[in-house]
Amino acid sequence: MVTEAIILAGGLGTRLQSVVADVPKCMAPVNGIPFINFVISYLKKEGVERFIFSLGYKSEIVIEYINKTFTNIDVEYVVEGKPLGTGGAVKLACSKVKGTDVLVVNGDTLFTININDFTGVHKMKDANVTIALKEMKHFNRYGAVEIDTNFTLQQFKEKQFCEKGFINGGIYALNVTAFLSENLPEVFSFENDFLEKNTGRITFCGLPCDNYFIDIGIPEDYNKFIDDYKLIQFHKKIKGSPGTNNFIGEVFFEGLFTLLD
């Protein structure tokens, strides 16, 4: 079990500026609760004990909120002096990791996978990186990811309309030692410059995970999460009333129910 996590939470959230202004993207409010709260709560529920936050834009807002709200977690902060890209941010944050492997998650994405199962596959495959994959239909916002029957990553496809396929769900299990042994620049993209360029040379695995997934990077999906939150809150209020025990979304939303208790 991997019990450390790097949370990438330094994004400006340019595409969200029309609905959420003047705060980092991870602090976008959902019924008054910053989105990062859901990410931290989910990881805690899954057994993560140590959190390393990679911050940039208005980092003081995130630090103040976490220090006030989560007083009982082991936390470290790494603040970029300049934009480093996702790869540079991960590389810098890895300097604070104590173990051999670490989870890497995005502060604007919630994917409620089973972390124990996920990291178990990562270790069993002796992978440098294992990616949590989400199956999507009729999408063009994300590039598709192909794996073989042994879960070995075969190819990243460019963004284009896809009837059905797997996307990168934004959760990684990363072998820190192997990652830092690469000749990595200071500024680079983890996805484009590390994963895509090294597919086939380095052992990358992908694990399909059929769990709740949301990326609030655009207003439509941010508003969808707000609607999902309201739906679950409503269900929790009426649960137990006649005719309400078979809520259609309960299996899909299972990870969220436990976060909203």
Protein backbone atom coordinates (compact mmCIF):
# COMPACT_ATOMS: atom_id res chain seq x y z
CA MET A 1 0.00 0.00 0.00
CA VAL A 2 1.31 3.44 -0.95
CA THR A 3 0.47 5.96 1.78
CA GLU A 4 2.05 9.14 0.38
CA ALA A 5 0.45 11.36 -2.24
CA ILE A 6 1.58 14.34 -4.27
CA ILE A 7 -1.34 16.62 -5.09
CA LEU A 8 -0.76 18.94 -8.04
CA ALA A 9 -2.69 22.05 -7.05
CA GLY A 10 -0.86 24.97 -8.61
CA GLY A 11 -3.11 25.57 -11.60
CA LEU A 12 -4.53 28.98 -12.47
CA GLY A 13 -7.69 27.52 -13.97
CA THR A 14 -7.86 29.82 -16.97
CA ARG A 15 -10.86 28.01 -18.49
CA LEU A 16 -12.77 28.37 -15.20
CA GLN A 17 -12.23 32.12 -14.86
CA SER A 18 -15.72 32.83 -16.17
CA VAL A 19 -17.30 31.04 -13.18
CA VAL A 20 -14.51 30.93 -10.56
CA ALA A 21 -12.20 33.93 -10.30
CA ASP A 22 -9.26 34.92 -8.09
CA VAL A 23 -8.58 31.50 -6.52
CA PRO A 24 -6.55 28.47 -7.65
CA LYS A 25 -8.58 25.95 -9.61
CA CYS A 26 -8.49 23.40 -6.78
CA MET A 27 -10.24 25.92 -4.52
CA ALA A 28 -13.31 26.22 -6.75
CA PRO A 29 -16.27 26.14 -4.32
CA VAL A 30 -18.94 23.43 -4.34
CA ASN A 31 -21.78 24.50 -2.07
CA GLY A 32 -19.21 26.52 -0.14
CA ILE A 33 -16.69 23.65 0.07
CA PRO A 34 -13.43 24.00 -1.92
CA PHE A 35 -13.02 21.15 -4.40
CA ILE A 36 -9.66 20.17 -2.87
CA ASN A 37 -11.57 19.11 0.26
CA PHE A 38 -13.16 16.24 -1.67
CA VAL A 39 -9.78 15.13 -3.04
CA ILE A 40 -8.13 15.11 0.40
CA SER A 41 -11.11 13.39 2.05
CA TYR A 42 -11.13 10.69 -0.61
CA LEU A 43 -7.40 10.02 -0.24
CA LYS A 44 -7.66 9.89 3.55
CA LYS A 45 -10.51 7.39 3.27
CA GLU A 46 -8.31 5.26 1.01
CA GLY A 47 -5.49 5.14 3.56
CA VAL A 48 -3.19 7.95 2.45
CA GLU A 49 -1.37 9.33 5.48
CA ARG A 50 1.09 11.86 4.09
CA PHE A 51 0.28 14.68 1.67
CA ILE A 52 2.71 16.73 -0.43
CA PHE A 53 1.05 19.70 -2.10
CA SER A 54 2.67 21.11 -5.22
CA LEU A 55 1.50 24.71 -5.39
CA GLY A 56 1.97 27.79 -7.53
CA TYR A 57 -0.71 30.38 -8.25
CA LYS A 58 -1.92 32.00 -5.00
CA SER A 59 -0.44 29.18 -2.95
CA GLU A 60 -1.15 31.04 0.29
CA ILE A 61 -4.90 30.52 -0.19
CA VAL A 62 -4.49 26.75 -0.42
CA ILE A 63 -2.03 26.58 2.49
CA GLU A 64 -4.25 28.63 4.78
CA TYR A 65 -7.32 26.52 3.99
CA ILE A 66 -5.58 23.17 4.48
CA ASN A 67 -3.89 24.24 7.71
CA LYS A 68 -7.24 25.39 9.13
CA THR A 69 -9.36 22.52 7.87
CA PHE A 70 -7.10 19.46 8.07
CA THR A 71 -5.24 19.86 11.33
CA ASN A 72 -4.52 16.16 11.77
CA ILE A 73 -2.72 15.27 8.53
CA ASP A 74 0.99 14.98 7.81
CA VAL A 75 1.50 17.69 5.20
CA GLU A 76 4.33 19.26 3.20
CA TYR A 77 4.14 22.16 0.76
CA VAL A 78 6.29 22.72 -2.31
CA VAL A 79 5.78 26.08 -4.03
CA GLU A 80 7.04 26.71 -7.55
CA GLY A 81 9.11 29.87 -7.93
CA LYS A 82 8.14 29.81 -11.61
CA PRO A 83 5.84 27.58 -13.67
CA LEU A 84 7.53 24.17 -14.02
CA GLY A 85 4.89 22.26 -15.95
CA THR A 86 3.31 19.13 -14.51
CA GLY A 87 6.55 17.16 -14.85
CA GLY A 88 8.69 19.78 -13.19
CA ALA A 89 6.14 20.07 -10.39
CA VAL A 90 6.18 16.29 -9.80
CA LYS A 91 9.98 16.22 -9.90
CA LEU A 92 10.24 19.02 -7.32
CA ALA A 93 7.64 17.42 -5.04
CA CYS A 94 9.44 14.05 -5.22
CA SER A 95 12.22 15.61 -3.14
CA LYS A 96 9.82 15.43 -0.19
CA VAL A 97 8.75 11.81 -0.69
CA LYS A 98 9.98 9.39 1.97
CA GLY A 99 9.02 6.07 0.37
CA THR A 100 9.93 4.26 -2.84
CA ASP A 101 6.55 4.86 -4.50
CA VAL A 102 4.12 7.75 -4.35
CA LEU A 103 0.65 8.53 -5.65
CA VAL A 104 0.33 11.56 -7.90
CA VAL A 105 -3.10 13.13 -8.29
CA ASN A 106 -4.48 16.32 -9.77
CA GLY A 107 -6.12 18.78 -7.40
CA ASP A 108 -8.88 19.51 -9.91
CA THR A 109 -9.83 15.87 -10.55
CA LEU A 110 -11.70 13.35 -8.42
CA PHE A 111 -11.48 9.69 -9.43
CA THR A 112 -12.64 7.46 -6.56
CA ILE A 113 -10.63 4.34 -7.36
CA ASN A 114 -9.60 1.68 -4.85
CA ILE A 115 -6.06 2.83 -4.02
CA ASN A 116 -5.05 -0.44 -2.37
CA ASP A 117 -5.95 -2.46 -5.48
CA PHE A 118 -4.41 0.11 -7.78
CA THR A 119 -1.05 0.27 -6.00
CA GLY A 120 -1.10 -3.52 -5.63
CA VAL A 121 -1.14 -3.89 -9.42
CA HIS A 122 1.59 -1.25 -9.71
CA LYS A 123 3.89 -3.21 -7.41
CA MET A 124 2.98 -6.60 -8.88
CA LYS A 125 3.88 -5.33 -12.36
CA ASP A 126 7.05 -3.66 -11.05
CA ALA A 127 6.03 -0.64 -13.11
CA ASN A 128 7.76 2.71 -13.22
CA VAL A 129 4.36 4.37 -13.56
CA THR A 130 0.84 2.96 -13.38
CA ILE A 131 -2.04 5.10 -14.61
CA ALA A 132 -5.67 4.84 -13.50
CA LEU A 133 -7.75 4.71 -16.68
CA LYS A 134 -11.38 5.69 -17.10
CA GLU A 135 -13.52 4.33 -19.92
CA MET A 136 -15.41 7.09 -21.75
CA LYS A 137 -17.81 7.23 -24.67
CA HIS A 138 -18.24 9.88 -27.38
CA PHE A 139 -15.43 12.17 -26.23
CA ASN A 140 -12.95 14.57 -27.82
CA ARG A 141 -11.70 16.53 -24.80
CA TYR A 142 -9.15 13.84 -23.89
CA GLY A 143 -6.64 11.73 -25.77
CA ALA A 144 -7.23 7.98 -25.67
CA VAL A 145 -4.86 5.50 -24.01
CA GLU A 146 -4.27 1.96 -25.28
CA ILE A 147 -3.09 -0.99 -23.16
CA ASP A 148 -2.56 -4.67 -23.92
CA THR A 149 -4.02 -7.67 -22.09
CA ASN A 150 -1.20 -7.48 -19.51
CA PHE A 151 -2.10 -3.85 -18.69
CA THR A 152 1.12 -2.62 -20.34
CA LEU A 153 0.65 0.82 -21.85
CA GLN A 154 0.98 0.71 -25.63
CA GLN A 155 0.09 4.13 -26.97
CA PHE A 156 -1.24 7.59 -26.24
CA LYS A 157 -3.48 8.94 -28.98
CA GLU A 158 -3.94 12.62 -29.74
CA LYS A 159 -7.16 14.38 -28.82
CA GLN A 160 -9.83 13.60 -31.40
CA PHE A 161 -13.39 12.35 -31.39
CA CYS A 162 -13.54 8.82 -30.05
CA GLU A 163 -16.63 6.60 -29.86
CA LYS A 164 -15.26 4.61 -26.93
CA GLY A 165 -11.93 4.29 -25.20
CA PHE A 166 -9.84 4.75 -22.08
CA ILE A 167 -8.59 8.14 -20.94
CA ASN A 168 -5.88 9.07 -18.48
CA GLY A 169 -7.79 9.49 -15.20
CA GLY A 170 -5.13 11.70 -13.61
CA ILE A 171 -4.04 9.31 -10.85
CA TYR A 172 -0.58 7.77 -11.03
CA ALA A 173 1.45 5.36 -8.93
CA LEU A 174 5.03 6.49 -9.45
CA ASN A 175 8.31 4.75 -8.63
CA VAL A 176 10.22 7.77 -7.34
CA THR A 177 13.70 6.28 -7.61
CA ALA A 178 13.24 5.26 -11.24
CA PHE A 179 11.62 8.59 -12.13
CA LEU A 180 14.40 10.70 -10.62
CA SER A 181 17.06 8.54 -12.28
CA GLU A 182 15.88 9.81 -15.67
CA ASN A 183 17.64 12.80 -17.24
CA LEU A 184 14.73 15.17 -16.70
CA PRO A 185 14.75 18.92 -17.37
CA GLU A 186 13.61 21.49 -14.85
CA VAL A 187 10.49 22.42 -16.80
CA PHE A 188 8.49 19.77 -18.66
CA SER A 189 5.10 18.11 -19.07
CA PHE A 190 4.68 14.85 -17.18
CA GLU A 191 2.13 13.64 -19.71
CA ASN A 192 3.71 14.74 -23.00
CA ASP A 193 7.43 14.85 -22.29
CA PHE A 194 7.72 11.91 -19.92
CA LEU A 195 4.87 9.44 -20.43
CA GLU A 196 4.25 9.81 -24.15
CA LYS A 197 7.90 10.09 -25.17
CA ASN A 198 8.99 7.09 -23.12
CA THR A 199 6.16 4.65 -23.84
CA GLY A 200 7.76 1.38 -24.89
CA ARG A 201 11.13 2.21 -23.35
CA ILE A 202 10.02 2.41 -19.72
CA THR A 203 7.53 0.10 -18.03
CA PHE A 204 4.25 1.99 -17.93
CA CYS A 205 1.01 0.23 -17.00
CA GLY A 206 -2.62 1.27 -17.18
CA LEU A 207 -5.39 -0.07 -14.99
CA PRO A 208 -9.05 0.43 -16.01
CA CYS A 209 -11.10 1.63 -13.02
CA ASP A 210 -14.89 1.88 -13.22
CA ASN A 211 -15.43 4.54 -10.56
CA TYR A 212 -16.81 8.04 -10.23
CA PHE A 213 -14.75 10.50 -12.27
CA ILE A 214 -14.90 14.27 -12.64
CA ASP A 215 -12.40 16.82 -13.92
CA ILE A 216 -13.58 20.36 -13.12
CA GLY A 217 -11.23 22.01 -15.62
CA ILE A 218 -14.06 23.46 -17.72
CA PRO A 219 -17.26 25.23 -16.55
CA GLU A 220 -19.55 22.47 -17.86
CA ASP A 221 -17.88 19.78 -15.76
CA TYR A 222 -17.48 22.05 -12.74
CA ASN A 223 -21.23 22.67 -12.83
CA LYS A 224 -21.84 18.95 -13.31
CA PHE A 225 -20.02 18.21 -10.07
CA ILE A 226 -22.11 20.83 -8.28
CA ASP A 227 -25.23 19.10 -9.62
CA ASP A 228 -23.87 15.68 -8.57
CA TYR A 229 -23.23 17.02 -5.08
CA LYS A 230 -26.78 18.36 -4.81
CA LEU A 231 -28.21 15.06 -6.09
CA ILE A 232 -26.34 13.06 -3.48
CA GLN A 233 -27.24 15.46 -0.68
CA PHE A 234 -30.88 15.20 -1.68
CA HIS A 235 -30.72 11.41 -1.75
CA LYS A 236 -29.07 11.28 1.67
CA LYS A 237 -31.88 13.39 3.13
CA ILE A 238 -34.66 11.18 1.81
CA LYS A 239 -32.89 7.82 2.02
CA GLY A 240 -35.02 5.35 3.93
CA SER A 241 -38.30 6.85 2.77
CA PRO A 242 -40.68 4.54 0.89
CA GLY A 243 -39.58 3.93 -2.67
CA THR A 244 -36.13 5.55 -2.31
CA ASN A 245 -33.93 2.55 -1.50
CA ASN A 246 -32.96 1.82 -5.11
CA PHE A 247 -31.25 5.05 -6.13
CA ILE A 248 -30.06 4.57 -9.72
CA GLY A 249 -26.72 6.30 -9.19
CA GLU A 250 -25.78 4.72 -5.87
CA VAL A 251 -23.17 2.29 -7.20
CA PHE A 252 -21.65 4.92 -9.48
CA PHE A 253 -21.59 7.56 -6.73
CA GLU A 254 -20.48 5.14 -4.02
CA GLY A 255 -17.15 6.90 -3.44
CA LEU A 256 -18.85 10.24 -3.03
CA PHE A 257 -21.44 9.05 -0.51
CA THR A 258 -18.73 8.29 2.04
CA LEU A 259 -17.16 11.71 1.53
CA LEU A 260 -20.38 13.54 2.27
CA ASP A 261 -21.25 11.86 5.56
